[in-house]
Amino acid sequence: MSKSSYPLKLPASLKREAQRLAKDDGVSLNQWISIAVAQKITAQETTAAFLRRFAGDARPEDMLALLAKVPDVEPLPGDELPEGYRRRPKVSGAV
């Protein structure tokens, strides 16, 4: 495995927490950060792959057609938008 270095600047509070967690795990701070980055990359790539499979060959205009079928009715009790929320203009037509 080839290695490269990267000068990482962390806020002091974040570094302290990472050091604490690394110590709890019995590894160096460097190893702990490397593992954390690897976990994040895996999660991102797994999510991206899932979304690609889930979307299939769907296109934005397919979603607009679907949204156009949603009735314009008042929400059920408890599903109201928060006070002061601005609604976006209604979408019409395809992209």
C-alpha atoms as a PDB file:
ATOM      1  CA  MET A   1       0.000   0.000   0.000  1.00  0.00           C
ATOM      2  CA  SER A   2       1.454   3.348  -0.975  1.00  0.00           C
ATOM      3  CA  LYS A   3       1.127   6.156   1.500  1.00  0.00           C
ATOM      4  CA  SER A   4       1.039   9.896   1.176  1.00  0.00           C
ATOM      5  CA  SER A   5       0.895  12.613   3.747  1.00  0.00           C
ATOM      6  CA  TYR A   6      -1.574  15.442   4.008  1.00  0.00           C
ATOM      7  CA  PRO A   7      -1.185  18.349   6.437  1.00  0.00           C
ATOM      8  CA  LEU A   8      -4.509  18.267   8.243  1.00  0.00           C
ATOM      9  CA  LYS A   9      -5.536  21.251  10.331  1.00  0.00           C
ATOM     10  CA  LEU A  10      -8.267  20.519  12.856  1.00  0.00           C
ATOM     11  CA  PRO A  11      -9.932  22.766  15.394  1.00  0.00           C
ATOM     12  CA  ALA A  12      -8.381  22.030  18.794  1.00  0.00           C
ATOM     13  CA  SER A  13     -11.653  20.705  20.211  1.00  0.00           C
ATOM     14  CA  LEU A  14     -12.116  18.286  17.310  1.00  0.00           C
ATOM     15  CA  LYS A  15      -8.539  17.057  17.616  1.00  0.00           C
ATOM     16  CA  ARG A  16      -8.986  16.462  21.366  1.00  0.00           C
ATOM     17  CA  GLU A  17     -12.110  14.384  20.744  1.00  0.00           C
ATOM     18  CA  ALA A  18     -10.406  12.405  17.974  1.00  0.00           C
ATOM     19  CA  GLN A  19      -7.398  11.781  20.256  1.00  0.00           C
ATOM     20  CA  ARG A  20      -9.711  10.604  23.029  1.00  0.00           C
ATOM     21  CA  LEU A  21     -11.547   8.224  20.710  1.00  0.00           C
ATOM     22  CA  ALA A  22      -8.288   6.941  19.219  1.00  0.00           C
ATOM     23  CA  LYS A  23      -6.975   6.238  22.714  1.00  0.00           C
ATOM     24  CA  ASP A  24     -10.229   4.438  23.610  1.00  0.00           C
ATOM     25  CA  ASP A  25      -9.795   2.312  20.459  1.00  0.00           C
ATOM     26  CA  GLY A  26      -6.131   1.638  21.257  1.00  0.00           C
ATOM     27  CA  VAL A  27      -4.807   3.132  18.014  1.00  0.00           C
ATOM     28  CA  SER A  28      -2.786   6.185  17.035  1.00  0.00           C
ATOM     29  CA  LEU A  29      -4.542   9.400  16.088  1.00  0.00           C
ATOM     30  CA  ASN A  30      -3.205   8.997  12.548  1.00  0.00           C
ATOM     31  CA  GLN A  31      -4.613   5.468  12.259  1.00  0.00           C
ATOM     32  CA  TRP A  32      -7.938   6.550  13.761  1.00  0.00           C
ATOM     33  CA  ILE A  33      -8.303   9.425  11.271  1.00  0.00           C
ATOM     34  CA  SER A  34      -7.348   7.115   8.376  1.00  0.00           C
ATOM     35  CA  ILE A  35     -10.031   4.636   9.430  1.00  0.00           C
ATOM     36  CA  ALA A  36     -12.593   7.439   9.836  1.00  0.00           C
ATOM     37  CA  VAL A  37     -11.865   8.720   6.316  1.00  0.00           C
ATOM     38  CA  ALA A  38     -12.079   5.179   4.901  1.00  0.00           C
ATOM     39  CA  GLN A  39     -15.443   4.652   6.611  1.00  0.00           C
ATOM     40  CA  LYS A  40     -16.778   7.915   5.195  1.00  0.00           C
ATOM     41  CA  ILE A  41     -15.596   7.054   1.669  1.00  0.00           C
ATOM     42  CA  THR A  42     -17.238   3.626   1.922  1.00  0.00           C
ATOM     43  CA  ALA A  43     -20.503   5.122   3.144  1.00  0.00           C
ATOM     44  CA  GLN A  44     -20.539   7.738   0.375  1.00  0.00           C
ATOM     45  CA  GLU A  45     -19.745   5.240  -2.365  1.00  0.00           C
ATOM     46  CA  THR A  46     -22.248   2.740  -1.017  1.00  0.00           C
ATOM     47  CA  THR A  47     -24.936   5.441  -0.956  1.00  0.00           C
ATOM     48  CA  ALA A  48     -24.083   6.583  -4.484  1.00  0.00           C
ATOM     49  CA  ALA A  49     -24.233   3.006  -5.797  1.00  0.00           C
ATOM     50  CA  PHE A  50     -27.576   2.432  -4.065  1.00  0.00           C
ATOM     51  CA  LEU A  51     -29.033   5.617  -5.521  1.00  0.00           C
ATOM     52  CA  ARG A  52     -27.824   4.722  -9.027  1.00  0.00           C
ATOM     53  CA  ARG A  53     -29.466   1.293  -8.763  1.00  0.00           C
ATOM     54  CA  PHE A  54     -32.634   2.754  -7.254  1.00  0.00           C
ATOM     55  CA  ALA A  55     -32.988   5.502  -9.877  1.00  0.00           C
ATOM     56  CA  GLY A  56     -32.259   3.185 -12.780  1.00  0.00           C
ATOM     57  CA  ASP A  57     -32.943   5.054 -15.996  1.00  0.00           C
ATOM     58  CA  ALA A  58     -35.227   7.644 -14.373  1.00  0.00           C
ATOM     59  CA  ARG A  59     -34.948  11.221 -15.627  1.00  0.00           C
ATOM     60  CA  PRO A  60     -35.860  14.538 -13.945  1.00  0.00           C
ATOM     61  CA  GLU A  61     -38.844  14.952 -16.257  1.00  0.00           C
ATOM     62  CA  ASP A  62     -40.181  11.612 -15.002  1.00  0.00           C
ATOM     63  CA  MET A  63     -40.267  13.051 -11.465  1.00  0.00           C
ATOM     64  CA  LEU A  64     -41.976  16.237 -12.664  1.00  0.00           C
ATOM     65  CA  ALA A  65     -44.689  14.162 -14.345  1.00  0.00           C
ATOM     66  CA  LEU A  66     -45.180  12.252 -11.120  1.00  0.00           C
ATOM     67  CA  LEU A  67     -45.301  15.424  -9.014  1.00  0.00           C
ATOM     68  CA  ALA A  68     -47.874  16.940 -11.392  1.00  0.00           C
ATOM     69  CA  LYS A  69     -50.282  14.156 -10.344  1.00  0.00           C
ATOM     70  CA  VAL A  70     -50.187  15.134  -6.660  1.00  0.00           C
ATOM     71  CA  PRO A  71     -53.515  16.743  -5.691  1.00  0.00           C
ATOM     72  CA  ASP A  72     -53.442  20.293  -4.319  1.00  0.00           C
ATOM     73  CA  VAL A  73     -55.230  19.664  -1.000  1.00  0.00           C
ATOM     74  CA  GLU A  74     -54.793  20.892   2.547  1.00  0.00           C
ATOM     75  CA  PRO A  75     -52.437  18.730   4.649  1.00  0.00           C
ATOM     76  CA  LEU A  76     -53.741  16.335   7.257  1.00  0.00           C
ATOM     77  CA  PRO A  77     -53.657  17.601  10.864  1.00  0.00           C
ATOM     78  CA  GLY A  78     -50.062  17.437  12.102  1.00  0.00           C
ATOM     79  CA  ASP A  79     -48.593  17.543   8.581  1.00  0.00           C
ATOM     80  CA  GLU A  80     -48.791  21.319   8.220  1.00  0.00           C
ATOM     81  CA  LEU A  81     -45.715  23.323   7.252  1.00  0.00           C
ATOM     82  CA  PRO A  82     -44.082  25.336  10.041  1.00  0.00           C
ATOM     83  CA  GLU A  83     -45.373  28.881  10.595  1.00  0.00           C
ATOM     84  CA  GLY A  84     -43.623  31.325   8.283  1.00  0.00           C
ATOM     85  CA  TYR A  85     -42.562  28.656   5.770  1.00  0.00           C
ATOM     86  CA  ARG A  86     -42.655  29.905   2.177  1.00  0.00           C
ATOM     87  CA  ARG A  87     -44.002  27.475  -0.365  1.00  0.00           C
ATOM     88  CA  ARG A  88     -42.228  27.219  -3.684  1.00  0.00           C
ATOM     89  CA  PRO A  89     -44.267  28.030  -6.779  1.00  0.00           C
ATOM     90  CA  LYS A  90     -46.102  25.081  -8.260  1.00  0.00           C
ATOM     91  CA  VAL A  91     -44.053  23.184 -10.860  1.00  0.00           C
ATOM     92  CA  SER A  92     -45.623  22.973 -14.308  1.00  0.00           C
ATOM     93  CA  GLY A  93     -44.427  21.089 -17.329  1.00  0.00           C
ATOM     94  CA  ALA A  94     -41.291  19.092 -17.889  1.00  0.00           C
ATOM     95  CA  VAL A  95     -37.675  20.207 -17.749  1.00  0.00           C
END
